[in-house]
Amino acid sequence: MKKLYYSIGEISEITSVEPHVLRYWETIFKELSPRKNKAGNRIYREKDITFILQLRELIVEKKFSTAGAKKILEKQIQDSGSNPEEEADLPYETQKDLKEIRLFLQKLAEKL
């Protein structure tokens, strides 16, 4: 199920973040800058999914403001990303893979 590029709709389904929120986050977080194809559509990569899941956890689940999330991410970069509290949780890559599998199974169940 791994792909090189994902559309904004696919990213929205995988991460449970609305497309308008993704576009807004692009204006705030320089790390989130998907390329655009010839038609002008955003194309996201695996690293973008991982970053979006991090943002979602901070902003949606932990209720940080975008400014607060930005400070935390900057601190993680300075600390080389070693945060003992977050290591206890599932890695973002695993979270992303599980969400992709869940989405695939939901679509499969709808076809049955």
PDB file of N, CA and C in Angstrom:
ATOM      1  N   MET A   1       0.818  -1.190   0.000  1.00  0.00           N
ATOM      2  CA  MET A   1       0.000   0.000   0.000  1.00  0.00           C
ATOM      3  C   MET A   1       0.868   1.263   0.000  1.00  0.00           C
ATOM      4  N   LYS A   2       2.163   1.105   0.076  1.00  0.00           N
ATOM      5  CA  LYS A   2       3.070   2.250   0.057  1.00  0.00           C
ATOM      6  C   LYS A   2       3.066   2.876  -1.329  1.00  0.00           C
ATOM      7  N   LYS A   3       3.065   4.210  -1.348  1.00  0.00           N
ATOM      8  CA  LYS A   3       3.103   4.947  -2.596  1.00  0.00           C
ATOM      9  C   LYS A   3       4.197   5.991  -2.493  1.00  0.00           C
ATOM     10  N   LEU A   4       4.642   6.467  -3.625  1.00  0.00           N
ATOM     11  CA  LEU A   4       5.623   7.550  -3.623  1.00  0.00           C
ATOM     12  C   LEU A   4       4.972   8.885  -3.281  1.00  0.00           C
ATOM     13  N   TYR A   5       3.807   9.124  -3.860  1.00  0.00           N
ATOM     14  CA  TYR A   5       3.130  10.394  -3.666  1.00  0.00           C
ATOM     15  C   TYR A   5       1.666  10.171  -3.317  1.00  0.00           C
ATOM     16  N   TYR A   6       1.142  11.076  -2.508  1.00  0.00           N
ATOM     17  CA  TYR A   6      -0.259  11.022  -2.088  1.00  0.00           C
ATOM     18  C   TYR A   6      -0.923  12.351  -2.400  1.00  0.00           C
ATOM     19  N   SER A   7      -2.200  12.312  -2.738  1.00  0.00           N
ATOM     20  CA  SER A   7      -2.955  13.545  -2.967  1.00  0.00           C
ATOM     21  C   SER A   7      -3.403  14.105  -1.620  1.00  0.00           C
ATOM     22  N   ILE A   8      -3.881  15.341  -1.629  1.00  0.00           N
ATOM     23  CA  ILE A   8      -4.332  15.949  -0.385  1.00  0.00           C
ATOM     24  C   ILE A   8      -5.541  15.205   0.178  1.00  0.00           C
ATOM     25  N   GLY A   9      -6.372  14.646  -0.688  1.00  0.00           N
ATOM     26  CA  GLY A   9      -7.524  13.866  -0.234  1.00  0.00           C
ATOM     27  C   GLY A   9      -7.092  12.582   0.475  1.00  0.00           C
ATOM     28  N   GLU A  10      -6.107  11.912  -0.101  1.00  0.00           N
ATOM     29  CA  GLU A  10      -5.592  10.691   0.524  1.00  0.00           C
ATOM     30  C   GLU A  10      -4.949  11.001   1.870  1.00  0.00           C
ATOM     31  N   ILE A  11      -4.191  12.085   1.915  1.00  0.00           N
ATOM     32  CA  ILE A  11      -3.543  12.496   3.162  1.00  0.00           C
ATOM     33  C   ILE A  11      -4.594  12.824   4.208  1.00  0.00           C
ATOM     34  N   SER A  12      -5.646  13.492   3.792  1.00  0.00           N
ATOM     35  CA  SER A  12      -6.717  13.848   4.710  1.00  0.00           C
ATOM     36  C   SER A  12      -7.361  12.593   5.314  1.00  0.00           C
ATOM     37  N   GLU A  13      -7.590  11.581   4.491  1.00  0.00           N
ATOM     38  CA  GLU A  13      -8.177  10.328   4.986  1.00  0.00           C
ATOM     39  C   GLU A  13      -7.221   9.593   5.926  1.00  0.00           C
ATOM     40  N   ILE A  14      -5.955   9.525   5.558  1.00  0.00           N
ATOM     41  CA  ILE A  14      -4.973   8.791   6.354  1.00  0.00           C
ATOM     42  C   ILE A  14      -4.758   9.446   7.714  1.00  0.00           C
ATOM     43  N   THR A  15      -4.673  10.774   7.732  1.00  0.00           N
ATOM     44  CA  THR A  15      -4.322  11.483   8.962  1.00  0.00           C
ATOM     45  C   THR A  15      -5.522  12.027   9.730  1.00  0.00           C
ATOM     46  N   SER A  16      -6.706  11.967   9.142  1.00  0.00           N
ATOM     47  CA  SER A  16      -7.919  12.544   9.745  1.00  0.00           C
ATOM     48  C   SER A  16      -7.782  14.047   9.977  1.00  0.00           C
ATOM     49  N   VAL A  17      -7.132  14.720   9.042  1.00  0.00           N
ATOM     50  CA  VAL A  17      -6.988  16.181   9.081  1.00  0.00           C
ATOM     51  C   VAL A  17      -7.608  16.720   7.797  1.00  0.00           C
ATOM     52  N   GLU A  18      -8.522  17.668   7.938  1.00  0.00           N
ATOM     53  CA  GLU A  18      -9.219  18.236   6.785  1.00  0.00           C
ATOM     54  C   GLU A  18      -8.237  18.940   5.837  1.00  0.00           C
ATOM     55  N   PRO A  19      -8.514  18.904   4.527  1.00  0.00           N
ATOM     56  CA  PRO A  19      -7.625  19.553   3.550  1.00  0.00           C
ATOM     57  C   PRO A  19      -7.375  21.038   3.826  1.00  0.00           C
ATOM     58  N   HIS A  20      -8.407  21.777   4.258  1.00  0.00           N
ATOM     59  CA  HIS A  20      -8.194  23.204   4.519  1.00  0.00           C
ATOM     60  C   HIS A  20      -7.240  23.421   5.689  1.00  0.00           C
ATOM     61  N   VAL A  21      -7.245  22.498   6.647  1.00  0.00           N
ATOM     62  CA  VAL A  21      -6.321  22.585   7.780  1.00  0.00           C
ATOM     63  C   VAL A  21      -4.897  22.288   7.304  1.00  0.00           C
ATOM     64  N   LEU A  22      -4.758  21.307   6.429  1.00  0.00           N
ATOM     65  CA  LEU A  22      -3.437  20.985   5.875  1.00  0.00           C
ATOM     66  C   LEU A  22      -2.861  22.190   5.137  1.00  0.00           C
ATOM     67  N   ARG A  23      -3.693  22.843   4.340  1.00  0.00           N
ATOM     68  CA  ARG A  23      -3.228  24.018   3.600  1.00  0.00           C
ATOM     69  C   ARG A  23      -2.840  25.146   4.564  1.00  0.00           C
ATOM     70  N   TYR A  24      -3.606  25.294   5.649  1.00  0.00           N
ATOM     71  CA  TYR A  24      -3.280  26.318   6.643  1.00  0.00           C
ATOM     72  C   TYR A  24      -1.953  25.991   7.327  1.00  0.00           C
ATOM     73  N   TRP A  25      -1.755  24.732   7.719  1.00  0.00           N
ATOM     74  CA  TRP A  25      -0.509  24.329   8.380  1.00  0.00           C
ATOM     75  C   TRP A  25       0.696  24.581   7.476  1.00  0.00           C
ATOM     76  N   GLU A  26       0.515  24.449   6.172  1.00  0.00           N
ATOM     77  CA  GLU A  26       1.616  24.726   5.232  1.00  0.00           C
ATOM     78  C   GLU A  26       2.108  26.167   5.358  1.00  0.00           C
ATOM     79  N   THR A  27       1.203  27.077   5.683  1.00  0.00           N
ATOM     80  CA  THR A  27       1.593  28.480   5.802  1.00  0.00           C
ATOM     81  C   THR A  27       2.361  28.756   7.090  1.00  0.00           C
ATOM     82  N   ILE A  28       2.219  27.883   8.069  1.00  0.00           N
ATOM     83  CA  ILE A  28       2.843  28.100   9.377  1.00  0.00           C
ATOM     84  C   ILE A  28       4.127  27.302   9.558  1.00  0.00           C
ATOM     85  N   PHE A  29       4.118  26.049   9.100  1.00  0.00           N
ATOM     86  CA  PHE A  29       5.243  25.144   9.343  1.00  0.00           C
ATOM     87  C   PHE A  29       6.041  24.953   8.058  1.00  0.00           C
ATOM     88  N   LYS A  30       7.269  25.452   8.047  1.00  0.00           N
ATOM     89  CA  LYS A  30       8.104  25.361   6.845  1.00  0.00           C
ATOM     90  C   LYS A  30       8.457  23.910   6.508  1.00  0.00           C
ATOM     91  N   GLU A  31       8.411  23.023   7.505  1.00  0.00           N
ATOM     92  CA  GLU A  31       8.709  21.605   7.265  1.00  0.00           C
ATOM     93  C   GLU A  31       7.633  20.929   6.413  1.00  0.00           C
ATOM     94  N   LEU A  32       6.459  21.507   6.380  1.00  0.00           N
ATOM     95  CA  LEU A  32       5.354  20.965   5.601  1.00  0.00           C
ATOM     96  C   LEU A  32       5.210  21.787   4.328  1.00  0.00           C
ATOM     97  N   SER A  33       5.881  21.337   3.283  1.00  0.00           N
ATOM     98  CA  SER A  33       5.812  22.057   2.007  1.00  0.00           C
ATOM     99  C   SER A  33       5.765  21.049   0.866  1.00  0.00           C
ATOM    100  N   PRO A  34       4.571  20.490   0.620  1.00  0.00           N
ATOM    101  CA  PRO A  34       4.462  19.513  -0.457  1.00  0.00           C
ATOM    102  C   PRO A  34       4.703  20.153  -1.817  1.00  0.00           C
ATOM    103  N   ARG A  35       5.245  19.361  -2.706  1.00  0.00           N
ATOM    104  CA  ARG A  35       5.432  19.841  -4.077  1.00  0.00           C
ATOM    105  C   ARG A  35       4.080  19.884  -4.764  1.00  0.00           C
ATOM    106  N   LYS A  36       4.077  20.503  -5.916  1.00  0.00           N
ATOM    107  CA  LYS A  36       2.858  20.512  -6.725  1.00  0.00           C
ATOM    108  C   LYS A  36       3.171  19.889  -8.077  1.00  0.00           C
ATOM    109  N   ASN A  37       2.217  19.128  -8.605  1.00  0.00           N
ATOM    110  CA  ASN A  37       2.417  18.520  -9.922  1.00  0.00           C
ATOM    111  C   ASN A  37       2.098  19.548 -11.012  1.00  0.00           C
ATOM    112  N   LYS A  38       2.150  19.126 -12.251  1.00  0.00           N
ATOM    113  CA  LYS A  38       1.933  20.053 -13.369  1.00  0.00           C
ATOM    114  C   LYS A  38       0.545  20.683 -13.347  1.00  0.00           C
ATOM    115  N   ALA A  39      -0.414  19.953 -12.790  1.00  0.00           N
ATOM    116  CA  ALA A  39      -1.777  20.476 -12.703  1.00  0.00           C
ATOM    117  C   ALA A  39      -1.949  21.421 -11.518  1.00  0.00           C
ATOM    118  N   GLY A  40      -0.913  21.547 -10.692  1.00  0.00           N
ATOM    119  CA  GLY A  40      -0.993  22.437  -9.531  1.00  0.00           C
ATOM    120  C   GLY A  40      -1.507  21.773  -8.271  1.00  0.00           C
ATOM    121  N   ASN A  41      -1.721  20.455  -8.328  1.00  0.00           N
ATOM    122  CA  ASN A  41      -2.199  19.721  -7.154  1.00  0.00           C
ATOM    123  C   ASN A  41      -1.041  19.378  -6.234  1.00  0.00           C
ATOM    124  N   ARG A  42      -1.293  19.453  -4.935  1.00  0.00           N
ATOM    125  CA  ARG A  42      -0.267  19.108  -3.962  1.00  0.00           C
ATOM    126  C   ARG A  42       0.011  17.611  -3.999  1.00  0.00           C
ATOM    127  N   ILE A  43       1.287  17.254  -3.896  1.00  0.00           N
ATOM    128  CA  ILE A  43       1.668  15.842  -3.797  1.00  0.00           C
ATOM    129  C   ILE A  43       2.546  15.682  -2.560  1.00  0.00           C
ATOM    130  N   TYR A  44       2.081  14.824  -1.673  1.00  0.00           N
ATOM    131  CA  TYR A  44       2.740  14.606  -0.393  1.00  0.00           C
ATOM    132  C   TYR A  44       3.560  13.324  -0.425  1.00  0.00           C
ATOM    133  N   ARG A  45       4.600  13.283   0.400  1.00  0.00           N
ATOM    134  CA  ARG A  45       5.452  12.103   0.530  1.00  0.00           C
ATOM    135  C   ARG A  45       5.256  11.490   1.912  1.00  0.00           C
ATOM    136  N   GLU A  46       5.907  10.355   2.119  1.00  0.00           N
ATOM    137  CA  GLU A  46       5.835   9.661   3.409  1.00  0.00           C
ATOM    138  C   GLU A  46       6.266  10.577   4.548  1.00  0.00           C
ATOM    139  N   LYS A  47       7.346  11.341   4.352  1.00  0.00           N
ATOM    140  CA  LYS A  47       7.843  12.220   5.419  1.00  0.00           C
ATOM    141  C   LYS A  47       6.803  13.277   5.783  1.00  0.00           C
ATOM    142  N   ASP A  48       6.004  13.701   4.809  1.00  0.00           N
ATOM    143  CA  ASP A  48       4.948  14.673   5.084  1.00  0.00           C
ATOM    144  C   ASP A  48       3.870  14.055   5.970  1.00  0.00           C
ATOM    145  N   ILE A  49       3.533  12.806   5.703  1.00  0.00           N
ATOM    146  CA  ILE A  49       2.528  12.108   6.511  1.00  0.00           C
ATOM    147  C   ILE A  49       3.001  12.023   7.958  1.00  0.00           C
ATOM    148  N   THR A  50       4.254  11.657   8.138  1.00  0.00           N
ATOM    149  CA  THR A  50       4.817  11.552   9.485  1.00  0.00           C
ATOM    150  C   THR A  50       4.748  12.894  10.198  1.00  0.00           C
ATOM    151  N   PHE A  51       5.114  13.956   9.509  1.00  0.00           N
ATOM    152  CA  PHE A  51       5.088  15.286  10.108  1.00  0.00           C
ATOM    153  C   PHE A  51       3.655  15.716  10.438  1.00  0.00           C
ATOM    154  N   ILE A  52       2.719  15.437   9.540  1.00  0.00           N
ATOM    155  CA  ILE A  52       1.311  15.795   9.776  1.00  0.00           C
ATOM    156  C   ILE A  52       0.770  15.048  10.990  1.00  0.00           C
ATOM    157  N   LEU A  53       1.139  13.787  11.142  1.00  0.00           N
ATOM    158  CA  LEU A  53       0.700  13.025  12.312  1.00  0.00           C
ATOM    159  C   LEU A  53       1.276  13.622  13.598  1.00  0.00           C
ATOM    160  N   GLN A  54       2.500  14.109  13.549  1.00  0.00           N
ATOM    161  CA  GLN A  54       3.090  14.791  14.705  1.00  0.00           C
ATOM    162  C   GLN A  54       2.287  16.051  15.026  1.00  0.00           C
ATOM    163  N   LEU A  55       2.009  16.838  13.998  1.00  0.00           N
ATOM    164  CA  LEU A  55       1.242  18.064  14.206  1.00  0.00           C
ATOM    165  C   LEU A  55      -0.144  17.762  14.751  1.00  0.00           C
ATOM    166  N   ARG A  56      -0.785  16.742  14.203  1.00  0.00           N
ATOM    167  CA  ARG A  56      -2.122  16.372  14.650  1.00  0.00           C
ATOM    168  C   ARG A  56      -2.110  15.993  16.126  1.00  0.00           C
ATOM    169  N   GLU A  57      -1.105  15.238  16.527  1.00  0.00           N
ATOM    170  CA  GLU A  57      -1.014  14.843  17.932  1.00  0.00           C
ATOM    171  C   GLU A  57      -0.867  16.071  18.827  1.00  0.00           C
ATOM    172  N   LEU A  58       0.002  16.986  18.436  1.00  0.00           N
ATOM    173  CA  LEU A  58       0.244  18.167  19.257  1.00  0.00           C
ATOM    174  C   LEU A  58      -0.948  19.120  19.272  1.00  0.00           C
ATOM    175  N   ILE A  59      -1.505  19.394  18.099  1.00  0.00           N
ATOM    176  CA  ILE A  59      -2.540  20.427  17.989  1.00  0.00           C
ATOM    177  C   ILE A  59      -3.935  19.892  18.319  1.00  0.00           C
ATOM    178  N   VAL A  60      -4.284  18.736  17.777  1.00  0.00           N
ATOM    179  CA  VAL A  60      -5.644  18.227  17.961  1.00  0.00           C
ATOM    180  C   VAL A  60      -5.778  17.446  19.270  1.00  0.00           C
ATOM    181  N   GLU A  61      -4.849  16.524  19.507  1.00  0.00           N
ATOM    182  CA  GLU A  61      -4.985  15.653  20.663  1.00  0.00           C
ATOM    183  C   GLU A  61      -4.487  16.289  21.958  1.00  0.00           C
ATOM    184  N   LYS A  62      -3.337  16.969  21.907  1.00  0.00           N
ATOM    185  CA  LYS A  62      -2.773  17.563  23.124  1.00  0.00           C
ATOM    186  C   LYS A  62      -3.176  19.025  23.310  1.00  0.00           C
ATOM    187  N   LYS A  63      -3.927  19.573  22.349  1.00  0.00           N
ATOM    188  CA  LYS A  63      -4.510  20.917  22.421  1.00  0.00           C
ATOM    189  C   LYS A  63      -3.490  22.061  22.502  1.00  0.00           C
ATOM    190  N   PHE A  64      -2.339  21.900  21.848  1.00  0.00           N
ATOM    191  CA  PHE A  64      -1.382  22.996  21.755  1.00  0.00           C
ATOM    192  C   PHE A  64      -1.845  23.955  20.662  1.00  0.00           C
ATOM    193  N   SER A  65      -1.475  25.209  20.794  1.00  0.00           N
ATOM    194  CA  SER A  65      -1.705  26.159  19.705  1.00  0.00           C
ATOM    195  C   SER A  65      -0.676  25.863  18.613  1.00  0.00           C
ATOM    196  N   THR A  66      -0.863  26.452  17.446  1.00  0.00           N
ATOM    197  CA  THR A  66       0.131  26.234  16.391  1.00  0.00           C
ATOM    198  C   THR A  66       1.480  26.805  16.806  1.00  0.00           C
ATOM    199  N   ALA A  67       1.464  27.925  17.514  1.00  0.00           N
ATOM    200  CA  ALA A  67       2.725  28.508  17.993  1.00  0.00           C
ATOM    201  C   ALA A  67       3.388  27.588  19.013  1.00  0.00           C
ATOM    202  N   GLY A  68       2.588  27.003  19.897  1.00  0.00           N
ATOM    203  CA  GLY A  68       3.125  26.070  20.886  1.00  0.00           C
ATOM    204  C   GLY A  68       3.691  24.830  20.230  1.00  0.00           C
ATOM    205  N   ALA A  69       2.979  24.311  19.238  1.00  0.00           N
ATOM    206  CA  ALA A  69       3.455  23.132  18.514  1.00  0.00           C
ATOM    207  C   ALA A  69       4.761  23.445  17.796  1.00  0.00           C
ATOM    208  N   LYS A  70       4.857  24.634  17.244  1.00  0.00           N
ATOM    209  CA  LYS A  70       6.072  25.043  16.537  1.00  0.00           C
ATOM    210  C   LYS A  70       7.265  25.079  17.492  1.00  0.00           C
ATOM    211  N   LYS A  71       7.052  25.602  18.703  1.00  0.00           N
ATOM    212  CA  LYS A  71       8.122  25.647  19.707  1.00  0.00           C
ATOM    213  C   LYS A  71       8.559  24.239  20.108  1.00  0.00           C
ATOM    214  N   ILE A  72       7.603  23.354  20.290  1.00  0.00           N
ATOM    215  CA  ILE A  72       7.927  21.977  20.683  1.00  0.00           C
ATOM    216  C   ILE A  72       8.718  21.287  19.580  1.00  0.00           C
ATOM    217  N   LEU A  73       8.296  21.454  18.345  1.00  0.00           N
ATOM    218  CA  LEU A  73       9.006  20.831  17.229  1.00  0.00           C
ATOM    219  C   LEU A  73      10.417  21.389  17.088  1.00  0.00           C
ATOM    220  N   GLU A  74      10.574  22.695  17.281  1.00  0.00           N
ATOM    221  CA  GLU A  74      11.907  23.290  17.227  1.00  0.00           C
ATOM    222  C   GLU A  74      12.789  22.736  18.340  1.00  0.00           C
ATOM    223  N   LYS A  75      12.217  22.559  19.523  1.00  0.00           N
ATOM    224  CA  LYS A  75      12.978  22.007  20.655  1.00  0.00           C
ATOM    225  C   LYS A  75      13.377  20.563  20.366  1.00  0.00           C
ATOM    226  N   GLN A  76      12.487  19.796  19.774  1.00  0.00           N
ATOM    227  CA  GLN A  76      12.809  18.404  19.431  1.00  0.00           C
ATOM    228  C   GLN A  76      13.955  18.346  18.440  1.00  0.00           C
ATOM    229  N   ILE A  77      13.966  19.264  17.487  1.00  0.00           N
ATOM    230  CA  ILE A  77      15.051  19.303  16.503  1.00  0.00           C
ATOM    231  C   ILE A  77      16.363  19.636  17.203  1.00  0.00           C
ATOM    232  N   GLN A  78      16.321  20.590  18.130  1.00  0.00           N
ATOM    233  CA  GLN A  78      17.526  20.946  18.881  1.00  0.00           C
ATOM    234  C   GLN A  78      18.013  19.784  19.744  1.00  0.00           C
ATOM    235  N   ASP A  79      17.080  19.049  20.325  1.00  0.00           N
ATOM    236  CA  ASP A  79      17.431  17.915  21.189  1.00  0.00           C
ATOM    237  C   ASP A  79      17.664  16.636  20.386  1.00  0.00           C
ATOM    238  N   SER A  80      17.773  16.767  19.079  1.00  0.00           N
ATOM    239  CA  SER A  80      17.948  15.622  18.166  1.00  0.00           C
ATOM    240  C   SER A  80      16.767  14.666  18.198  1.00  0.00           C
ATOM    241  N   GLY A  81      15.611  15.188  18.527  1.00  0.00           N
ATOM    242  CA  GLY A  81      14.395  14.381  18.486  1.00  0.00           C
ATOM    243  C   GLY A  81      14.262  13.372  19.602  1.00  0.00           C
ATOM    244  N   SER A  82      15.067  13.437  20.641  1.00  0.00           N
ATOM    245  CA  SER A  82      14.953  12.455  21.712  1.00  0.00           C
ATOM    246  C   SER A  82      14.070  12.998  22.819  1.00  0.00           C
ATOM    247  N   ASN A  83      12.856  12.493  22.885  1.00  0.00           N
ATOM    248  CA  ASN A  83      11.909  12.876  23.914  1.00  0.00           C
ATOM    249  C   ASN A  83      11.391  11.603  24.571  1.00  0.00           C
ATOM    250  N   PRO A  84      11.780  11.299  25.814  1.00  0.00           N
ATOM    251  CA  PRO A  84      11.410  10.041  26.443  1.00  0.00           C
ATOM    252  C   PRO A  84       9.909   9.829  26.563  1.00  0.00           C
ATOM    253  N   GLU A  85       9.131  10.914  26.745  1.00  0.00           N
ATOM    254  CA  GLU A  85       7.685  10.748  26.861  1.00  0.00           C
ATOM    255  C   GLU A  85       7.096  10.192  25.574  1.00  0.00           C
ATOM    256  N   GLU A  86       7.542  10.687  24.436  1.00  0.00           N
ATOM    257  CA  GLU A  86       6.973  10.263  23.162  1.00  0.00           C
ATOM    258  C   GLU A  86       7.472   8.896  22.736  1.00  0.00           C
ATOM    259  N   GLU A  87       8.619   8.468  23.234  1.00  0.00           N
ATOM    260  CA  GLU A  87       9.131   7.151  22.863  1.00  0.00           C
ATOM    261  C   GLU A  87       8.236   6.038  23.400  1.00  0.00           C
ATOM    262  N   ALA A  88       7.491   6.328  24.462  1.00  0.00           N
ATOM    263  CA  ALA A  88       6.584   5.329  25.023  1.00  0.00           C
ATOM    264  C   ALA A  88       5.392   5.092  24.101  1.00  0.00           C
ATOM    265  N   ASP A  89       5.003   6.105  23.330  1.00  0.00           N
ATOM    266  CA  ASP A  89       3.892   5.968  22.384  1.00  0.00           C
ATOM    267  C   ASP A  89       4.363   5.229  21.140  1.00  0.00           C
ATOM    268  N   LEU A  90       3.410   4.861  20.299  1.00  0.00           N
ATOM    269  CA  LEU A  90       3.760   4.238  19.030  1.00  0.00           C
ATOM    270  C   LEU A  90       4.495   5.241  18.151  1.00  0.00           C
ATOM    271  N   PRO A  91       5.493   4.779  17.407  1.00  0.00           N
ATOM    272  CA  PRO A  91       6.172   5.693  16.478  1.00  0.00           C
ATOM    273  C   PRO A  91       5.187   6.194  15.419  1.00  0.00           C
ATOM    274  N   TYR A  92       5.449   7.377  14.926  1.00  0.00           N
ATOM    275  CA  TYR A  92       4.549   7.984  13.940  1.00  0.00           C
ATOM    276  C   TYR A  92       4.424   7.132  12.683  1.00  0.00           C
ATOM    277  N   GLU A  93       5.522   6.517  12.277  1.00  0.00           N
ATOM    278  CA  GLU A  93       5.469   5.650  11.091  1.00  0.00           C
ATOM    279  C   GLU A  93       4.478   4.503  11.322  1.00  0.00           C
ATOM    280  N   THR A  94       4.509   3.930  12.521  1.00  0.00           N
ATOM    281  CA  THR A  94       3.593   2.838  12.849  1.00  0.00           C
ATOM    282  C   THR A  94       2.161   3.349  12.885  1.00  0.00           C
ATOM    283  N   GLN A  95       1.950   4.524  13.470  1.00  0.00           N
ATOM    284  CA  GLN A  95       0.612   5.114  13.494  1.00  0.00           C
ATOM    285  C   GLN A  95       0.087   5.306  12.075  1.00  0.00           C
ATOM    286  N   LYS A  96       0.946   5.826  11.205  1.00  0.00           N
ATOM    287  CA  LYS A  96       0.556   6.062   9.816  1.00  0.00           C
ATOM    288  C   LYS A  96       0.199   4.750   9.122  1.00  0.00           C
ATOM    289  N   ASP A  97       1.037   3.726   9.320  1.00  0.00           N
ATOM    290  CA  ASP A  97       0.774   2.429   8.698  1.00  0.00           C
ATOM    291  C   ASP A  97      -0.542   1.838   9.190  1.00  0.00           C
ATOM    292  N   LEU A  98      -0.801   1.954  10.480  1.00  0.00           N
ATOM    293  CA  LEU A  98      -2.051   1.429  11.032  1.00  0.00           C
ATOM    294  C   LEU A  98      -3.266   2.171  10.478  1.00  0.00           C
ATOM    295  N   LYS A  99      -3.149   3.485  10.317  1.00  0.00           N
ATOM    296  CA  LYS A  99      -4.263   4.253   9.756  1.00  0.00           C
ATOM    297  C   LYS A  99      -4.508   3.882   8.298  1.00  0.00           C
ATOM    298  N   GLU A 100      -3.435   3.641   7.551  1.00  0.00           N
ATOM    299  CA  GLU A 100      -3.585   3.223   6.158  1.00  0.00           C
ATOM    300  C   GLU A 100      -4.273   1.867   6.082  1.00  0.00           C
ATOM    301  N   ILE A 101      -3.892   0.953   6.949  1.00  0.00           N
ATOM    302  CA  ILE A 101      -4.506  -0.379   6.972  1.00  0.00           C
ATOM    303  C   ILE A 101      -5.971  -0.267   7.352  1.00  0.00           C
ATOM    304  N   ARG A 102      -6.282   0.554   8.363  1.00  0.00           N
ATOM    305  CA  ARG A 102      -7.670   0.738   8.790  1.00  0.00           C
ATOM    306  C   ARG A 102      -8.506   1.296   7.640  1.00  0.00           C
ATOM    307  N   LEU A 103      -7.968   2.284   6.932  1.00  0.00           N
ATOM    308  CA  LEU A 103      -8.669   2.883   5.808  1.00  0.00           C
ATOM    309  C   LEU A 103      -8.911   1.852   4.704  1.00  0.00           C
ATOM    310  N   PHE A 104      -7.898   1.040   4.413  1.00  0.00           N
ATOM    311  CA  PHE A 104      -8.028  -0.006   3.402  1.00  0.00           C
ATOM    312  C   PHE A 104      -9.116  -0.996   3.799  1.00  0.00           C
ATOM    313  N   LEU A 105      -9.116  -1.415   5.074  1.00  0.00           N
ATOM    314  CA  LEU A 105     -10.114  -2.383   5.529  1.00  0.00           C
ATOM    315  C   LEU A 105     -11.527  -1.789   5.518  1.00  0.00           C
ATOM    316  N   GLN A 106     -11.650  -0.497   5.834  1.00  0.00           N
ATOM    317  CA  GLN A 106     -12.956   0.152   5.778  1.00  0.00           C
ATOM    318  C   GLN A 106     -13.491   0.182   4.355  1.00  0.00           C
ATOM    319  N   LYS A 107     -12.616   0.504   3.402  1.00  0.00           N
ATOM    320  CA  LYS A 107     -13.052   0.536   2.013  1.00  0.00           C
ATOM    321  C   LYS A 107     -13.408  -0.864   1.525  1.00  0.00           C
ATOM    322  N   LEU A 108     -12.651  -1.851   1.970  1.00  0.00           N
ATOM    323  CA  LEU A 108     -12.926  -3.236   1.601  1.00  0.00           C
ATOM    324  C   LEU A 108     -14.272  -3.674   2.176  1.00  0.00           C
ATOM    325  N   ALA A 109     -14.544  -3.320   3.423  1.00  0.00           N
ATOM    326  CA  ALA A 109     -15.806  -3.684   4.054  1.00  0.00           C
ATOM    327  C   ALA A 109     -16.993  -3.029   3.348  1.00  0.00           C
ATOM    328  N   GLU A 110     -16.804  -1.805   2.854  1.00  0.00           N
ATOM    329  CA  GLU A 110     -17.874  -1.123   2.133  1.00  0.00           C
ATOM    330  C   GLU A 110     -18.228  -1.824   0.826  1.00  0.00           C
ATOM    331  N   LYS A 111     -17.232  -2.463   0.223  1.00  0.00           N
ATOM    332  CA  LYS A 111     -17.468  -3.159  -1.043  1.00  0.00           C
ATOM    333  C   LYS A 111     -18.191  -4.485  -0.847  1.00  0.00           C
ATOM    334  N   LEU A 112     -18.140  -5.028   0.359  1.00  0.00           N
ATOM    335  CA  LEU A 112     -18.774  -6.323   0.629  1.00  0.00           C
ATOM    336  C   LEU A 112     -20.256  -6.210   0.818  1.00  0.00           C
TER     337      LEU A 112
END
